[in-house]
Amino acid sequence: MKYLLIFMMIATLYSCNTAINKNKIEFTASFPNNYNASIRWKRFDNLKAFIDADDYKRISRIKKKYKDSTVNSYKILLMKKITSKKYKVVLEREEVISPSNTLDTNTYLQYWIYDEKAETWKLDSEIKDEEE
C-alpha cells in the first residue's frame, strides 16, 4: 500500500510537470529567421513580436540603423542552448551601407530568452561581433 501511494504521488507530480512544460514553445530557427526577415524587408512593426513592444528606444535604434542600409541576406551560423530558457544565436548578415554602397558582411550574437508572461521567445540582446 505504501509503494502504491508513493507511485501515485510520483505519477501525479510527473503529470503536473508535463502539463506545465507543454505550454512552453520550443525554440526553433523560425524565431531568429522571422526577426531577421523583418529587418531585411524593413517591416519594423513586426519587431514588436520579438522585442518588448514598450521598448521603443530599441526599436527606434534598429529603424535608424537600417534606414540607410539594406540587408541583402542573412544566415544562421550557430544556435546553442544555454539553458532551457535561453539560447545563443550567431548569424551573419550581408549589409549594403548607403550612400557609399559598401557591402559588409557582419556577424551578430543574439541572445533569446523565453518570456513566460507572453509565452513566446523574445530577443534579449543583439551584439555586433567585432572579432571578425
Protein backbone atom coordinates (compact mmCIF):
# COMPACT_ATOMS: atom_id res chain seq x y z
CA MET A 1 0.00 0.00 0.00
CA LYS A 2 2.85 2.33 0.88
CA TYR A 3 4.53 1.73 -2.51
CA LEU A 4 1.26 2.32 -4.35
CA LEU A 5 0.86 5.67 -2.60
CA ILE A 6 4.44 6.68 -3.49
CA PHE A 7 3.90 5.61 -7.11
CA MET A 8 0.67 7.65 -7.31
CA MET A 9 2.41 10.72 -5.87
CA ILE A 10 5.26 10.45 -8.38
CA ALA A 11 2.82 9.94 -11.25
CA THR A 12 0.82 12.97 -10.15
CA LEU A 13 3.92 15.17 -9.92
CA TYR A 14 5.13 13.98 -13.32
CA SER A 15 1.78 14.70 -14.96
CA CYS A 16 1.68 18.20 -13.44
CA ASN A 17 5.20 18.92 -14.67
CA THR A 18 4.35 17.61 -18.13
CA ALA A 19 1.24 19.78 -18.31
CA ILE A 20 3.25 22.87 -17.34
CA ASN A 21 6.02 22.20 -19.88
CA LYS A 22 3.56 21.51 -22.73
CA ASN A 23 2.68 25.21 -22.81
CA LYS A 24 6.28 26.24 -23.45
CA ILE A 25 7.04 26.81 -27.11
CA GLU A 26 10.26 25.17 -28.25
CA PHE A 27 12.95 27.45 -29.65
CA THR A 28 13.42 26.92 -33.37
CA ALA A 29 15.24 28.74 -36.16
CA SER A 30 11.94 30.38 -37.11
CA PHE A 31 12.34 32.95 -34.32
CA PRO A 32 15.67 34.42 -35.49
CA ASN A 33 14.69 33.88 -39.14
CA ASN A 34 11.46 35.86 -38.79
CA TYR A 35 13.18 38.60 -36.78
CA ASN A 36 15.93 38.99 -39.38
CA ALA A 37 13.46 38.84 -42.26
CA SER A 38 11.60 41.75 -40.62
CA ILE A 39 14.83 43.76 -40.64
CA ARG A 40 15.76 42.71 -44.17
CA TRP A 41 12.40 43.75 -45.62
CA LYS A 42 12.14 46.80 -43.29
CA ARG A 43 8.95 45.56 -41.66
CA PHE A 44 9.81 47.25 -38.40
CA ASP A 45 6.28 46.91 -36.99
CA ASN A 46 6.87 43.13 -36.90
CA LEU A 47 9.74 43.62 -34.43
CA LYS A 48 7.20 44.01 -31.63
CA ALA A 49 6.68 40.25 -31.82
CA PHE A 50 10.32 39.66 -30.92
CA ILE A 51 11.15 42.68 -28.74
CA ASP A 52 9.01 44.00 -25.90
CA ALA A 53 6.53 46.38 -27.51
CA ASP A 54 7.23 49.00 -24.85
CA ASP A 55 10.96 49.05 -25.71
CA TYR A 56 10.53 51.96 -28.11
CA LYS A 57 14.16 53.11 -27.85
CA ARG A 58 15.47 49.77 -29.05
CA ILE A 59 13.04 49.54 -31.96
CA SER A 60 13.84 53.16 -32.83
CA ARG A 61 17.60 52.40 -32.88
CA ILE A 62 17.01 49.47 -35.25
CA LYS A 63 14.90 51.62 -37.59
CA LYS A 64 17.57 54.33 -37.58
CA LYS A 65 20.40 51.87 -38.22
CA TYR A 66 18.70 50.22 -41.20
CA LYS A 67 17.18 53.41 -42.64
CA ASP A 68 20.20 53.95 -44.89
CA SER A 69 21.28 50.36 -45.34
CA THR A 70 19.89 47.19 -46.80
CA VAL A 71 20.28 43.61 -45.67
CA ASN A 72 21.00 41.53 -48.78
CA SER A 73 20.97 38.21 -46.98
CA TYR A 74 21.46 36.58 -43.62
CA LYS A 75 22.24 33.09 -42.42
CA ILE A 76 22.31 31.41 -39.06
CA LEU A 77 25.75 30.02 -38.26
CA LEU A 78 25.04 28.60 -34.80
CA MET A 79 22.14 28.00 -32.43
CA LYS A 80 23.24 26.94 -28.96
CA LYS A 81 21.06 26.15 -25.97
CA ILE A 82 22.43 27.85 -22.87
CA THR A 83 19.59 26.93 -20.51
CA SER A 84 16.04 25.73 -21.08
CA LYS A 85 15.01 29.40 -21.25
CA LYS A 86 17.97 30.94 -23.08
CA TYR A 87 19.57 30.42 -26.50
CA LYS A 88 22.56 31.94 -28.21
CA VAL A 89 22.34 32.52 -31.96
CA VAL A 90 25.27 33.54 -34.15
CA LEU A 91 24.32 34.87 -37.54
CA GLU A 92 25.86 36.62 -40.47
CA ARG A 93 24.25 39.50 -42.37
CA GLU A 94 25.35 40.87 -45.73
CA GLU A 95 24.61 44.58 -45.46
CA VAL A 96 24.85 47.29 -48.12
CA ILE A 97 25.63 50.61 -46.45
CA SER A 98 24.37 53.71 -48.27
CA PRO A 99 25.31 56.19 -49.66
CA SER A 100 28.69 54.55 -50.33
CA ASN A 101 27.05 51.25 -51.37
CA THR A 102 29.71 49.34 -49.47
CA LEU A 103 28.95 45.67 -48.98
CA ASP A 104 29.81 44.48 -45.47
CA THR A 105 29.43 41.02 -44.03
CA ASN A 106 28.84 41.32 -40.30
CA THR A 107 28.46 38.69 -37.62
CA TYR A 108 25.96 39.22 -34.81
CA LEU A 109 25.43 37.45 -31.50
CA GLN A 110 21.81 37.23 -30.44
CA TYR A 111 20.54 36.03 -27.10
CA TRP A 112 16.95 34.80 -26.96
CA ILE A 113 15.01 34.21 -23.75
CA TYR A 114 11.67 32.59 -23.08
CA ASP A 115 9.12 35.15 -21.88
CA GLU A 116 6.77 33.19 -19.63
CA LYS A 117 4.25 36.02 -19.42
CA ALA A 118 3.94 36.31 -23.22
CA GLU A 119 4.53 32.54 -23.65
CA THR A 120 6.97 33.07 -26.51
CA TRP A 121 10.64 33.66 -27.23
CA LYS A 122 11.95 37.24 -27.21
CA LEU A 123 15.23 38.71 -28.37
CA ASP A 124 17.09 39.72 -25.22
CA SER A 125 20.11 41.30 -26.91
CA GLU A 126 21.91 41.59 -30.21
CA ILE A 127 25.58 42.50 -30.38
CA LYS A 128 27.72 43.02 -33.47
CA ASP A 129 30.72 40.71 -33.20
CA GLU A 130 33.76 42.89 -33.71
CA GLU A 131 36.19 39.93 -33.81
CA GLU A 132 35.69 39.08 -37.49
